[in-house]
Amino acid sequence: MDSYDGDADFEGKLQEKLNNEYNERVRFCDMKNSQLQSTAENMRLSILGRDSKEKDEKPLGVVDAYVRENTAELVDPLDVKKKLGMLEEKRNILLTELDTQIKVSNATTFIEIA
């Protein structure tokens, strides 16, 4: 498979770029949501106090609403994971067919009888 890699591997480069960008966006969303959870926990502690035995749910509803409104979600109109799967499948089929054709071509011997 190494002989098919290189600068001319446009679909491979597209696949790599899509995968890297998708993973970067997922990490960004995860980081923002982690920060949001930390902030929400600090808000809960400040509302309830650190040693509060009795928990009133009314003030905590504000924190839950804050979390719902500010949660980061990844919007993927391109459906990148599906496209990556299709590109991978297409590439594997092509490489398998090429390898088979090359093996058949190299194994074929023509004998001419004159």
PDB file of N, CA and C in Angstrom:
ATOM      1  N   MET A   1       0.820  -1.196   0.000  1.00  0.00           N
ATOM      2  CA  MET A   1       0.000   0.000   0.000  1.00  0.00           C
ATOM      3  C   MET A   1       0.870   1.268   0.000  1.00  0.00           C
ATOM      4  N   ASP A   2       2.123   1.165   0.442  1.00  0.00           N
ATOM      5  CA  ASP A   2       2.976   2.341   0.518  1.00  0.00           C
ATOM      6  C   ASP A   2       3.255   2.945  -0.846  1.00  0.00           C
ATOM      7  N   SER A   3       3.234   2.143  -1.899  1.00  0.00           N
ATOM      8  CA  SER A   3       3.539   2.659  -3.228  1.00  0.00           C
ATOM      9  C   SER A   3       2.436   3.574  -3.749  1.00  0.00           C
ATOM     10  N   TYR A   4       1.265   3.572  -3.126  1.00  0.00           N
ATOM     11  CA  TYR A   4       0.157   4.406  -3.568  1.00  0.00           C
ATOM     12  C   TYR A   4       0.051   5.701  -2.780  1.00  0.00           C
ATOM     13  N   ASP A   5       0.946   5.917  -1.841  1.00  0.00           N
ATOM     14  CA  ASP A   5       0.946   7.148  -1.056  1.00  0.00           C
ATOM     15  C   ASP A   5       1.798   8.196  -1.751  1.00  0.00           C
ATOM     16  N   GLY A   6       1.700   9.441  -1.316  1.00  0.00           N
ATOM     17  CA  GLY A   6       2.547  10.489  -1.863  1.00  0.00           C
ATOM     18  C   GLY A   6       1.763  11.747  -2.136  1.00  0.00           C
ATOM     19  N   ASP A   7       2.387  12.643  -2.901  1.00  0.00           N
ATOM     20  CA  ASP A   7       1.775  13.936  -3.187  1.00  0.00           C
ATOM     21  C   ASP A   7       0.549  13.829  -4.082  1.00  0.00           C
ATOM     22  N   ALA A   8       0.428  12.784  -4.870  1.00  0.00           N
ATOM     23  CA  ALA A   8      -0.697  12.629  -5.777  1.00  0.00           C
ATOM     24  C   ALA A   8      -1.911  11.995  -5.109  1.00  0.00           C
ATOM     25  N   ASP A   9      -1.812  11.653  -3.846  1.00  0.00           N
ATOM     26  CA  ASP A   9      -2.906  11.005  -3.125  1.00  0.00           C
ATOM     27  C   ASP A   9      -3.872  12.064  -2.596  1.00  0.00           C
ATOM     28  N   PHE A  10      -4.645  12.659  -3.517  1.00  0.00           N
ATOM     29  CA  PHE A  10      -5.534  13.757  -3.152  1.00  0.00           C
ATOM     30  C   PHE A  10      -6.638  13.312  -2.205  1.00  0.00           C
ATOM     31  N   GLU A  11      -7.252  12.180  -2.472  1.00  0.00           N
ATOM     32  CA  GLU A  11      -8.330  11.707  -1.606  1.00  0.00           C
ATOM     33  C   GLU A  11      -7.797  11.330  -0.224  1.00  0.00           C
ATOM     34  N   GLY A  12      -6.586  10.795  -0.178  1.00  0.00           N
ATOM     35  CA  GLY A  12      -5.971  10.476   1.110  1.00  0.00           C
ATOM     36  C   GLY A  12      -5.706  11.735   1.918  1.00  0.00           C
ATOM     37  N   LYS A  13      -5.248  12.777   1.239  1.00  0.00           N
ATOM     38  CA  LYS A  13      -5.005  14.049   1.923  1.00  0.00           C
ATOM     39  C   LYS A  13      -6.325  14.676   2.387  1.00  0.00           C
ATOM     40  N   LEU A  14      -7.367  14.555   1.557  1.00  0.00           N
ATOM     41  CA  LEU A  14      -8.689  15.053   1.943  1.00  0.00           C
ATOM     42  C   LEU A  14      -9.191  14.303   3.170  1.00  0.00           C
ATOM     43  N   GLN A  15      -9.022  13.008   3.149  1.00  0.00           N
ATOM     44  CA  GLN A  15      -9.444  12.169   4.268  1.00  0.00           C
ATOM     45  C   GLN A  15      -8.721  12.578   5.555  1.00  0.00           C
ATOM     46  N   GLU A  16      -7.433  12.763   5.453  1.00  0.00           N
ATOM     47  CA  GLU A  16      -6.630  13.151   6.616  1.00  0.00           C
ATOM     48  C   GLU A  16      -7.049  14.525   7.134  1.00  0.00           C
ATOM     49  N   LYS A  17      -7.260  15.470   6.227  1.00  0.00           N
ATOM     50  CA  LYS A  17      -7.663  16.828   6.616  1.00  0.00           C
ATOM     51  C   LYS A  17      -9.034  16.822   7.285  1.00  0.00           C
ATOM     52  N   LEU A  18      -9.996  16.101   6.690  1.00  0.00           N
ATOM     53  CA  LEU A  18     -11.331  16.017   7.278  1.00  0.00           C
ATOM     54  C   LEU A  18     -11.274  15.400   8.673  1.00  0.00           C
ATOM     55  N   ASN A  19     -10.508  14.336   8.806  1.00  0.00           N
ATOM     56  CA  ASN A  19     -10.395  13.655  10.092  1.00  0.00           C
ATOM     57  C   ASN A  19      -9.756  14.562  11.139  1.00  0.00           C
ATOM     58  N   ASN A  20      -8.678  15.252  10.771  1.00  0.00           N
ATOM     59  CA  ASN A  20      -8.005  16.154  11.711  1.00  0.00           C
ATOM     60  C   ASN A  20      -8.917  17.302  12.142  1.00  0.00           C
ATOM     61  N   GLU A  21      -9.602  17.911  11.177  1.00  0.00           N
ATOM     62  CA  GLU A  21     -10.493  19.028  11.501  1.00  0.00           C
ATOM     63  C   GLU A  21     -11.663  18.566  12.372  1.00  0.00           C
ATOM     64  N   TYR A  22     -12.234  17.427  12.054  1.00  0.00           N
ATOM     65  CA  TYR A  22     -13.354  16.894  12.836  1.00  0.00           C
ATOM     66  C   TYR A  22     -12.910  16.632  14.279  1.00  0.00           C
ATOM     67  N   ASN A  23     -11.766  15.961  14.432  1.00  0.00           N
ATOM     68  CA  ASN A  23     -11.262  15.662  15.773  1.00  0.00           C
ATOM     69  C   ASN A  23     -10.944  16.926  16.557  1.00  0.00           C
ATOM     70  N   GLU A  24     -10.421  17.940  15.880  1.00  0.00           N
ATOM     71  CA  GLU A  24     -10.118  19.209  16.540  1.00  0.00           C
ATOM     72  C   GLU A  24     -11.396  19.877  17.035  1.00  0.00           C
ATOM     73  N   ARG A  25     -12.445  19.848  16.229  1.00  0.00           N
ATOM     74  CA  ARG A  25     -13.721  20.458  16.636  1.00  0.00           C
ATOM     75  C   ARG A  25     -14.355  19.685  17.796  1.00  0.00           C
ATOM     76  N   VAL A  26     -14.254  18.373  17.776  1.00  0.00           N
ATOM     77  CA  VAL A  26     -14.794  17.566  18.875  1.00  0.00           C
ATOM     78  C   VAL A  26     -14.045  17.875  20.162  1.00  0.00           C
ATOM     79  N   ARG A  27     -12.708  17.967  20.088  1.00  0.00           N
ATOM     80  CA  ARG A  27     -11.911  18.316  21.275  1.00  0.00           C
ATOM     81  C   ARG A  27     -12.290  19.699  21.806  1.00  0.00           C
ATOM     82  N   PHE A  28     -12.526  20.653  20.883  1.00  0.00           N
ATOM     83  CA  PHE A  28     -12.910  22.000  21.282  1.00  0.00           C
ATOM     84  C   PHE A  28     -14.247  21.982  22.027  1.00  0.00           C
ATOM     85  N   CYS A  29     -15.231  21.254  21.482  1.00  0.00           N
ATOM     86  CA  CYS A  29     -16.541  21.147  22.149  1.00  0.00           C
ATOM     87  C   CYS A  29     -16.392  20.495  23.515  1.00  0.00           C
ATOM     88  N   ASP A  30     -15.597  19.442  23.595  1.00  0.00           N
ATOM     89  CA  ASP A  30     -15.392  18.767  24.874  1.00  0.00           C
ATOM     90  C   ASP A  30     -14.740  19.697  25.893  1.00  0.00           C
ATOM     91  N   MET A  31     -13.766  20.490  25.445  1.00  0.00           N
ATOM     92  CA  MET A  31     -13.088  21.423  26.342  1.00  0.00           C
ATOM     93  C   MET A  31     -14.066  22.490  26.843  1.00  0.00           C
ATOM     94  N   LYS A  32     -14.880  23.040  25.935  1.00  0.00           N
ATOM     95  CA  LYS A  32     -15.848  24.070  26.328  1.00  0.00           C
ATOM     96  C   LYS A  32     -16.887  23.499  27.297  1.00  0.00           C
ATOM     97  N   ASN A  33     -17.340  22.281  27.037  1.00  0.00           N
ATOM     98  CA  ASN A  33     -18.320  21.662  27.938  1.00  0.00           C
ATOM     99  C   ASN A  33     -17.713  21.349  29.296  1.00  0.00           C
ATOM    100  N   SER A  34     -16.440  20.981  29.313  1.00  0.00           N
ATOM    101  CA  SER A  34     -15.751  20.732  30.574  1.00  0.00           C
ATOM    102  C   SER A  34     -15.644  22.022  31.382  1.00  0.00           C
ATOM    103  N   GLN A  35     -15.295  23.117  30.709  1.00  0.00           N
ATOM    104  CA  GLN A  35     -15.231  24.412  31.377  1.00  0.00           C
ATOM    105  C   GLN A  35     -16.608  24.830  31.896  1.00  0.00           C
ATOM    106  N   LEU A  36     -17.641  24.546  31.108  1.00  0.00           N
ATOM    107  CA  LEU A  36     -19.002  24.870  31.507  1.00  0.00           C
ATOM    108  C   LEU A  36     -19.399  24.087  32.750  1.00  0.00           C
ATOM    109  N   GLN A  37     -19.057  22.816  32.803  1.00  0.00           N
ATOM    110  CA  GLN A  37     -19.379  22.008  33.980  1.00  0.00           C
ATOM    111  C   GLN A  37     -18.653  22.514  35.223  1.00  0.00           C
ATOM    112  N   SER A  38     -17.414  22.935  35.036  1.00  0.00           N
ATOM    113  CA  SER A  38     -16.649  23.490  36.154  1.00  0.00           C
ATOM    114  C   SER A  38     -17.300  24.775  36.666  1.00  0.00           C
ATOM    115  N   THR A  39     -17.695  25.636  35.738  1.00  0.00           N
ATOM    116  CA  THR A  39     -18.366  26.882  36.112  1.00  0.00           C
ATOM    117  C   THR A  39     -19.695  26.590  36.803  1.00  0.00           C
ATOM    118  N   ALA A  40     -20.443  25.626  36.286  1.00  0.00           N
ATOM    119  CA  ALA A  40     -21.734  25.268  36.879  1.00  0.00           C
ATOM    120  C   ALA A  40     -21.540  24.725  38.291  1.00  0.00           C
ATOM    121  N   GLU A  41     -20.510  23.922  38.486  1.00  0.00           N
ATOM    122  CA  GLU A  41     -20.236  23.385  39.821  1.00  0.00           C
ATOM    123  C   GLU A  41     -19.896  24.516  40.792  1.00  0.00           C
ATOM    124  N   ASN A  42     -19.116  25.485  40.339  1.00  0.00           N
ATOM    125  CA  ASN A  42     -18.800  26.646  41.183  1.00  0.00           C
ATOM    126  C   ASN A  42     -20.062  27.443  41.507  1.00  0.00           C
ATOM    127  N   MET A  43     -20.967  27.561  40.528  1.00  0.00           N
ATOM    128  CA  MET A  43     -22.228  28.271  40.763  1.00  0.00           C
ATOM    129  C   MET A  43     -23.071  27.522  41.800  1.00  0.00           C
ATOM    130  N   ARG A  44     -23.134  26.207  41.688  1.00  0.00           N
ATOM    131  CA  ARG A  44     -23.896  25.398  42.654  1.00  0.00           C
ATOM    132  C   ARG A  44     -23.348  25.576  44.072  1.00  0.00           C
ATOM    133  N   LEU A  45     -22.008  25.533  44.166  1.00  0.00           N
ATOM    134  CA  LEU A  45     -21.385  25.692  45.483  1.00  0.00           C
ATOM    135  C   LEU A  45     -21.644  27.072  46.064  1.00  0.00           C
ATOM    136  N   SER A  46     -21.626  28.100  45.219  1.00  0.00           N
ATOM    137  CA  SER A  46     -21.867  29.451  45.733  1.00  0.00           C
ATOM    138  C   SER A  46     -23.335  29.646  46.117  1.00  0.00           C
ATOM    139  N   ILE A  47     -24.247  28.980  45.417  1.00  0.00           N
ATOM    140  CA  ILE A  47     -25.668  29.099  45.751  1.00  0.00           C
ATOM    141  C   ILE A  47     -25.987  28.350  47.040  1.00  0.00           C
ATOM    142  N   LEU A  48     -25.507  27.129  47.131  1.00  0.00           N
ATOM    143  CA  LEU A  48     -25.843  26.286  48.277  1.00  0.00           C
ATOM    144  C   LEU A  48     -24.947  26.515  49.478  1.00  0.00           C
ATOM    145  N   GLY A  49     -23.780  27.022  49.251  1.00  0.00           N
ATOM    146  CA  GLY A  49     -22.815  27.113  50.331  1.00  0.00           C
ATOM    147  C   GLY A  49     -22.113  25.781  50.465  1.00  0.00           C
ATOM    148  N   ARG A  50     -20.959  25.781  51.035  1.00  0.00           N
ATOM    149  CA  ARG A  50     -20.149  24.568  51.082  1.00  0.00           C
ATOM    150  C   ARG A  50     -20.656  23.550  52.106  1.00  0.00           C
ATOM    151  N   ASP A  51     -21.265  24.006  53.186  1.00  0.00           N
ATOM    152  CA  ASP A  51     -21.678  23.091  54.251  1.00  0.00           C
ATOM    153  C   ASP A  51     -23.194  22.925  54.334  1.00  0.00           C
ATOM    154  N   SER A  52     -23.882  23.227  53.285  1.00  0.00           N
ATOM    155  CA  SER A  52     -25.348  23.156  53.304  1.00  0.00           C
ATOM    156  C   SER A  52     -25.826  21.713  53.331  1.00  0.00           C
ATOM    157  N   LYS A  53     -26.633  21.384  54.334  1.00  0.00           N
ATOM    158  CA  LYS A  53     -27.205  20.031  54.433  1.00  0.00           C
ATOM    159  C   LYS A  53     -28.518  19.958  53.650  1.00  0.00           C
ATOM    160  N   GLU A  54     -29.239  21.071  53.622  1.00  0.00           N
ATOM    161  CA  GLU A  54     -30.536  21.114  52.961  1.00  0.00           C
ATOM    162  C   GLU A  54     -30.359  21.701  51.563  1.00  0.00           C
ATOM    163  N   LYS A  55     -30.795  20.964  50.566  1.00  0.00           N
ATOM    164  CA  LYS A  55     -30.632  21.437  49.188  1.00  0.00           C
ATOM    165  C   LYS A  55     -31.981  21.882  48.645  1.00  0.00           C
ATOM    166  N   ASP A  56     -32.070  23.134  48.305  1.00  0.00           N
ATOM    167  CA  ASP A  56     -33.274  23.671  47.688  1.00  0.00           C
ATOM    168  C   ASP A  56     -33.085  23.583  46.174  1.00  0.00           C
ATOM    169  N   GLU A  57     -34.019  22.953  45.492  1.00  0.00           N
ATOM    170  CA  GLU A  57     -33.879  22.694  44.061  1.00  0.00           C
ATOM    171  C   GLU A  57     -34.177  23.921  43.208  1.00  0.00           C
ATOM    172  N   LYS A  58     -34.892  24.903  43.769  1.00  0.00           N
ATOM    173  CA  LYS A  58     -35.270  26.066  42.978  1.00  0.00           C
ATOM    174  C   LYS A  58     -34.054  26.840  42.460  1.00  0.00           C
ATOM    175  N   PRO A  59     -33.107  27.231  43.298  1.00  0.00           N
ATOM    176  CA  PRO A  59     -31.932  27.947  42.792  1.00  0.00           C
ATOM    177  C   PRO A  59     -31.079  27.089  41.856  1.00  0.00           C
ATOM    178  N   LEU A  60     -31.095  25.782  42.074  1.00  0.00           N
ATOM    179  CA  LEU A  60     -30.294  24.909  41.214  1.00  0.00           C
ATOM    180  C   LEU A  60     -30.880  24.801  39.815  1.00  0.00           C
ATOM    181  N   GLY A  61     -32.170  25.093  39.674  1.00  0.00           N
ATOM    182  CA  GLY A  61     -32.803  25.106  38.353  1.00  0.00           C
ATOM    183  C   GLY A  61     -32.179  26.159  37.452  1.00  0.00           C
ATOM    184  N   VAL A  62     -31.766  27.271  38.041  1.00  0.00           N
ATOM    185  CA  VAL A  62     -31.102  28.336  37.280  1.00  0.00           C
ATOM    186  C   VAL A  62     -29.780  27.825  36.718  1.00  0.00           C
ATOM    187  N   VAL A  63     -29.057  27.078  37.533  1.00  0.00           N
ATOM    188  CA  VAL A  63     -27.771  26.526  37.095  1.00  0.00           C
ATOM    189  C   VAL A  63     -27.994  25.511  35.977  1.00  0.00           C
ATOM    190  N   ASP A  64     -29.016  24.655  36.126  1.00  0.00           N
ATOM    191  CA  ASP A  64     -29.314  23.671  35.088  1.00  0.00           C
ATOM    192  C   ASP A  64     -29.708  24.350  33.778  1.00  0.00           C
ATOM    193  N   ALA A  65     -30.491  25.422  33.871  1.00  0.00           N
ATOM    194  CA  ALA A  65     -30.870  26.180  32.673  1.00  0.00           C
ATOM    195  C   ALA A  65     -29.634  26.808  32.034  1.00  0.00           C
ATOM    196  N   TYR A  66     -28.736  27.322  32.862  1.00  0.00           N
ATOM    197  CA  TYR A  66     -27.485  27.901  32.363  1.00  0.00           C
ATOM    198  C   TYR A  66     -26.679  26.854  31.596  1.00  0.00           C
ATOM    199  N   VAL A  67     -26.587  25.664  32.145  1.00  0.00           N
ATOM    200  CA  VAL A  67     -25.837  24.583  31.496  1.00  0.00           C
ATOM    201  C   VAL A  67     -26.497  24.199  30.175  1.00  0.00           C
ATOM    202  N   ARG A  68     -27.841  24.067  30.181  1.00  0.00           N
ATOM    203  CA  ARG A  68     -28.552  23.696  28.945  1.00  0.00           C
ATOM    204  C   ARG A  68     -28.355  24.739  27.853  1.00  0.00           C
ATOM    205  N   GLU A  69     -28.416  26.015  28.233  1.00  0.00           N
ATOM    206  CA  GLU A  69     -28.307  27.092  27.252  1.00  0.00           C
ATOM    207  C   GLU A  69     -26.898  27.276  26.706  1.00  0.00           C
ATOM    208  N   ASN A  70     -25.891  26.900  27.469  1.00  0.00           N
ATOM    209  CA  ASN A  70     -24.512  27.177  27.073  1.00  0.00           C
ATOM    210  C   ASN A  70     -23.711  25.943  26.677  1.00  0.00           C
ATOM    211  N   THR A  71     -24.355  24.791  26.595  1.00  0.00           N
ATOM    212  CA  THR A  71     -23.645  23.576  26.203  1.00  0.00           C
ATOM    213  C   THR A  71     -23.253  23.668  24.730  1.00  0.00           C
ATOM    214  N   ALA A  72     -22.004  23.357  24.445  1.00  0.00           N
ATOM    215  CA  ALA A  72     -21.502  23.385  23.068  1.00  0.00           C
ATOM    216  C   ALA A  72     -21.863  22.080  22.369  1.00  0.00           C
ATOM    217  N   GLU A  73     -22.404  22.200  21.158  1.00  0.00           N
ATOM    218  CA  GLU A  73     -22.761  21.043  20.356  1.00  0.00           C
ATOM    219  C   GLU A  73     -22.084  21.171  19.000  1.00  0.00           C
ATOM    220  N   LEU A  74     -21.659  20.062  18.465  1.00  0.00           N
ATOM    221  CA  LEU A  74     -21.033  20.050  17.149  1.00  0.00           C
ATOM    222  C   LEU A  74     -22.120  19.910  16.090  1.00  0.00           C
ATOM    223  N   VAL A  75     -22.194  20.887  15.198  1.00  0.00           N
ATOM    224  CA  VAL A  75     -23.130  20.836  14.082  1.00  0.00           C
ATOM    225  C   VAL A  75     -22.328  20.379  12.872  1.00  0.00           C
ATOM    226  N   ASP A  76     -22.753  19.275  12.293  1.00  0.00           N
ATOM    227  CA  ASP A  76     -21.999  18.671  11.191  1.00  0.00           C
ATOM    228  C   ASP A  76     -22.892  18.503   9.964  1.00  0.00           C
ATOM    229  N   PRO A  77     -23.097  19.578   9.196  1.00  0.00           N
ATOM    230  CA  PRO A  77     -23.973  19.469   8.026  1.00  0.00           C
ATOM    231  C   PRO A  77     -23.385  18.586   6.920  1.00  0.00           C
ATOM    232  N   LEU A  78     -22.080  18.401   6.923  1.00  0.00           N
ATOM    233  CA  LEU A  78     -21.436  17.569   5.897  1.00  0.00           C
ATOM    234  C   LEU A  78     -21.478  16.094   6.235  1.00  0.00           C
ATOM    235  N   ASP A  79     -21.801  15.761   7.474  1.00  0.00           N
ATOM    236  CA  ASP A  79     -21.767  14.381   7.962  1.00  0.00           C
ATOM    237  C   ASP A  79     -20.389  13.775   7.663  1.00  0.00           C
ATOM    238  N   VAL A  80     -19.382  14.380   8.271  1.00  0.00           N
ATOM    239  CA  VAL A  80     -17.985  14.059   8.003  1.00  0.00           C
ATOM    240  C   VAL A  80     -17.664  12.591   8.266  1.00  0.00           C
ATOM    241  N   LYS A  81     -18.180  12.026   9.347  1.00  0.00           N
ATOM    242  CA  LYS A  81     -17.864  10.626   9.660  1.00  0.00           C
ATOM    243  C   LYS A  81     -18.350   9.696   8.551  1.00  0.00           C
ATOM    244  N   LYS A  82     -19.528   9.978   8.008  1.00  0.00           N
ATOM    245  CA  LYS A  82     -20.060   9.165   6.908  1.00  0.00           C
ATOM    246  C   LYS A  82     -19.189   9.320   5.662  1.00  0.00           C
ATOM    247  N   LYS A  83     -18.794  10.557   5.356  1.00  0.00           N
ATOM    248  CA  LYS A  83     -17.941  10.803   4.192  1.00  0.00           C
ATOM    249  C   LYS A  83     -16.576  10.139   4.359  1.00  0.00           C
ATOM    250  N   LEU A  84     -16.028  10.193   5.575  1.00  0.00           N
ATOM    251  CA  LEU A  84     -14.748   9.535   5.828  1.00  0.00           C
ATOM    252  C   LEU A  84     -14.853   8.026   5.622  1.00  0.00           C
ATOM    253  N   GLY A  85     -15.936   7.448   6.071  1.00  0.00           N
ATOM    254  CA  GLY A  85     -16.151   6.019   5.879  1.00  0.00           C
ATOM    255  C   GLY A  85     -16.266   5.665   4.410  1.00  0.00           C
ATOM    256  N   MET A  86     -16.989   6.502   3.657  1.00  0.00           N
ATOM    257  CA  MET A  86     -17.140   6.248   2.217  1.00  0.00           C
ATOM    258  C   MET A  86     -15.805   6.383   1.496  1.00  0.00           C
ATOM    259  N   LEU A  87     -15.027   7.412   1.850  1.00  0.00           N
ATOM    260  CA  LEU A  87     -13.715   7.592   1.220  1.00  0.00           C
ATOM    261  C   LEU A  87     -12.785   6.426   1.530  1.00  0.00           C
ATOM    262  N   GLU A  88     -12.815   5.966   2.774  1.00  0.00           N
ATOM    263  CA  GLU A  88     -11.976   4.839   3.180  1.00  0.00           C
ATOM    264  C   GLU A  88     -12.366   3.569   2.425  1.00  0.00           C
ATOM    265  N   GLU A  89     -13.662   3.336   2.320  1.00  0.00           N
ATOM    266  CA  GLU A  89     -14.145   2.148   1.607  1.00  0.00           C
ATOM    267  C   GLU A  89     -13.779   2.214   0.126  1.00  0.00           C
ATOM    268  N   LYS A  90     -13.972   3.383  -0.480  1.00  0.00           N
ATOM    269  CA  LYS A  90     -13.637   3.574  -1.897  1.00  0.00           C
ATOM    270  C   LYS A  90     -12.144   3.353  -2.135  1.00  0.00           C
ATOM    271  N   ARG A  91     -11.334   3.878  -1.256  1.00  0.00           N
ATOM    272  CA  ARG A  91      -9.879   3.731  -1.378  1.00  0.00           C
ATOM    273  C   ARG A  91      -9.459   2.267  -1.242  1.00  0.00           C
ATOM    274  N   ASN A  92     -10.029   1.584  -0.251  1.00  0.00           N
ATOM    275  CA  ASN A  92      -9.674   0.174  -0.051  1.00  0.00           C
ATOM    276  C   ASN A  92     -10.078  -0.681  -1.238  1.00  0.00           C
ATOM    277  N   ILE A  93     -11.263  -0.430  -1.794  1.00  0.00           N
ATOM    278  CA  ILE A  93     -11.710  -1.187  -2.966  1.00  0.00           C
ATOM    279  C   ILE A  93     -10.779  -0.924  -4.148  1.00  0.00           C
ATOM    280  N   LEU A  94     -10.436   0.338  -4.377  1.00  0.00           N
ATOM    281  CA  LEU A  94      -9.550   0.686  -5.483  1.00  0.00           C
ATOM    282  C   LEU A  94      -8.181   0.025  -5.325  1.00  0.00           C
ATOM    283  N   LEU A  95      -7.610   0.107  -4.136  1.00  0.00           N
ATOM    284  CA  LEU A  95      -6.285  -0.464  -3.919  1.00  0.00           C
ATOM    285  C   LEU A  95      -6.301  -1.987  -4.049  1.00  0.00           C
ATOM    286  N   THR A  96      -7.368  -2.610  -3.595  1.00  0.00           N
ATOM    287  CA  THR A  96      -7.486  -4.059  -3.729  1.00  0.00           C
ATOM    288  C   THR A  96      -7.574  -4.454  -5.197  1.00  0.00           C
ATOM    289  N   GLU A  97      -8.393  -3.723  -5.959  1.00  0.00           N
ATOM    290  CA  GLU A  97      -8.520  -4.010  -7.389  1.00  0.00           C
ATOM    291  C   GLU A  97      -7.204  -3.770  -8.128  1.00  0.00           C
ATOM    292  N   LEU A  98      -6.516  -2.688  -7.788  1.00  0.00           N
ATOM    293  CA  LEU A  98      -5.228  -2.411  -8.424  1.00  0.00           C
ATOM    294  C   LEU A  98      -4.208  -3.499  -8.122  1.00  0.00           C
ATOM    295  N   ASP A  99      -4.131  -3.897  -6.864  1.00  0.00           N
ATOM    296  CA  ASP A  99      -3.190  -4.952  -6.489  1.00  0.00           C
ATOM    297  C   ASP A  99      -3.509  -6.256  -7.219  1.00  0.00           C
ATOM    298  N   THR A 100      -4.781  -6.585  -7.315  1.00  0.00           N
ATOM    299  CA  THR A 100      -5.181  -7.812  -8.009  1.00  0.00           C
ATOM    300  C   THR A 100      -4.812  -7.729  -9.487  1.00  0.00           C
ATOM    301  N   GLN A 101      -5.109  -6.618 -10.122  1.00  0.00           N
ATOM    302  CA  GLN A 101      -4.801  -6.460 -11.542  1.00  0.00           C
ATOM    303  C   GLN A 101      -3.297  -6.505 -11.795  1.00  0.00           C
ATOM    304  N   ILE A 102      -2.528  -5.901 -10.917  1.00  0.00           N
ATOM    305  CA  ILE A 102      -1.068  -5.924 -11.079  1.00  0.00           C
ATOM    306  C   ILE A 102      -0.542  -7.338 -10.913  1.00  0.00           C
ATOM    307  N   LYS A 103      -1.048  -8.075  -9.936  1.00  0.00           N
ATOM    308  CA  LYS A 103      -0.611  -9.455  -9.730  1.00  0.00           C
ATOM    309  C   LYS A 103      -0.970 -10.327 -10.920  1.00  0.00           C
ATOM    310  N   VAL A 104      -2.180 -10.157 -11.454  1.00  0.00           N
ATOM    311  CA  VAL A 104      -2.597 -10.935 -12.627  1.00  0.00           C
ATOM    312  C   VAL A 104      -1.741 -10.571 -13.828  1.00  0.00           C
ATOM    313  N   SER A 105      -1.486  -9.296 -14.011  1.00  0.00           N
ATOM    314  CA  SER A 105      -0.668  -8.841 -15.141  1.00  0.00           C
ATOM    315  C   SER A 105       0.752  -9.377 -15.031  1.00  0.00           C
ATOM    316  N   ASN A 106       1.312  -9.375 -13.852  1.00  0.00           N
ATOM    317  CA  ASN A 106       2.682  -9.865 -13.662  1.00  0.00           C
ATOM    318  C   ASN A 106       2.769 -11.380 -13.763  1.00  0.00           C
ATOM    319  N   ALA A 107       1.679 -12.065 -13.464  1.00  0.00           N
ATOM    320  CA  ALA A 107       1.700 -13.526 -13.481  1.00  0.00           C
ATOM    321  C   ALA A 107       1.345 -14.099 -14.851  1.00  0.00           C
ATOM    322  N   THR A 108       0.844 -13.282 -15.744  1.00  0.00           N
ATOM    323  CA  THR A 108       0.431 -13.770 -17.065  1.00  0.00           C
ATOM    324  C   THR A 108       1.638 -13.871 -17.981  1.00  0.00           C
ATOM    325  N   THR A 109       1.762 -15.012 -18.592  1.00  0.00           N
ATOM    326  CA  THR A 109       2.854 -15.236 -19.546  1.00  0.00           C
ATOM    327  C   THR A 109       2.218 -15.595 -20.885  1.00  0.00           C
ATOM    328  N   PHE A 110       2.643 -14.921 -21.927  1.00  0.00           N
ATOM    329  CA  PHE A 110       2.160 -15.218 -23.269  1.00  0.00           C
ATOM    330  C   PHE A 110       3.240 -15.973 -24.016  1.00  0.00           C
ATOM    331  N   ILE A 111       2.846 -17.073 -24.628  1.00  0.00           N
ATOM    332  CA  ILE A 111       3.779 -17.880 -25.424  1.00  0.00           C
ATOM    333  C   ILE A 111       3.290 -17.846 -26.862  1.00  0.00           C
ATOM    334  N   GLU A 112       4.149 -17.369 -27.723  1.00  0.00           N
ATOM    335  CA  GLU A 112       3.800 -17.334 -29.145  1.00  0.00           C
ATOM    336  C   GLU A 112       4.439 -18.503 -29.854  1.00  0.00           C
ATOM    337  N   ILE A 113       3.636 -19.206 -30.600  1.00  0.00           N
ATOM    338  CA  ILE A 113       4.129 -20.328 -31.389  1.00  0.00           C
ATOM    339  C   ILE A 113       4.109 -19.909 -32.850  1.00  0.00           C
ATOM    340  N   ALA A 114       5.239 -19.951 -33.450  1.00  0.00           N
ATOM    341  CA  ALA A 114       5.318 -19.485 -34.822  1.00  0.00           C
ATOM    342  C   ALA A 114       5.340 -20.614 -35.828  1.00  0.00           C
TER     343      ALA A 114
END
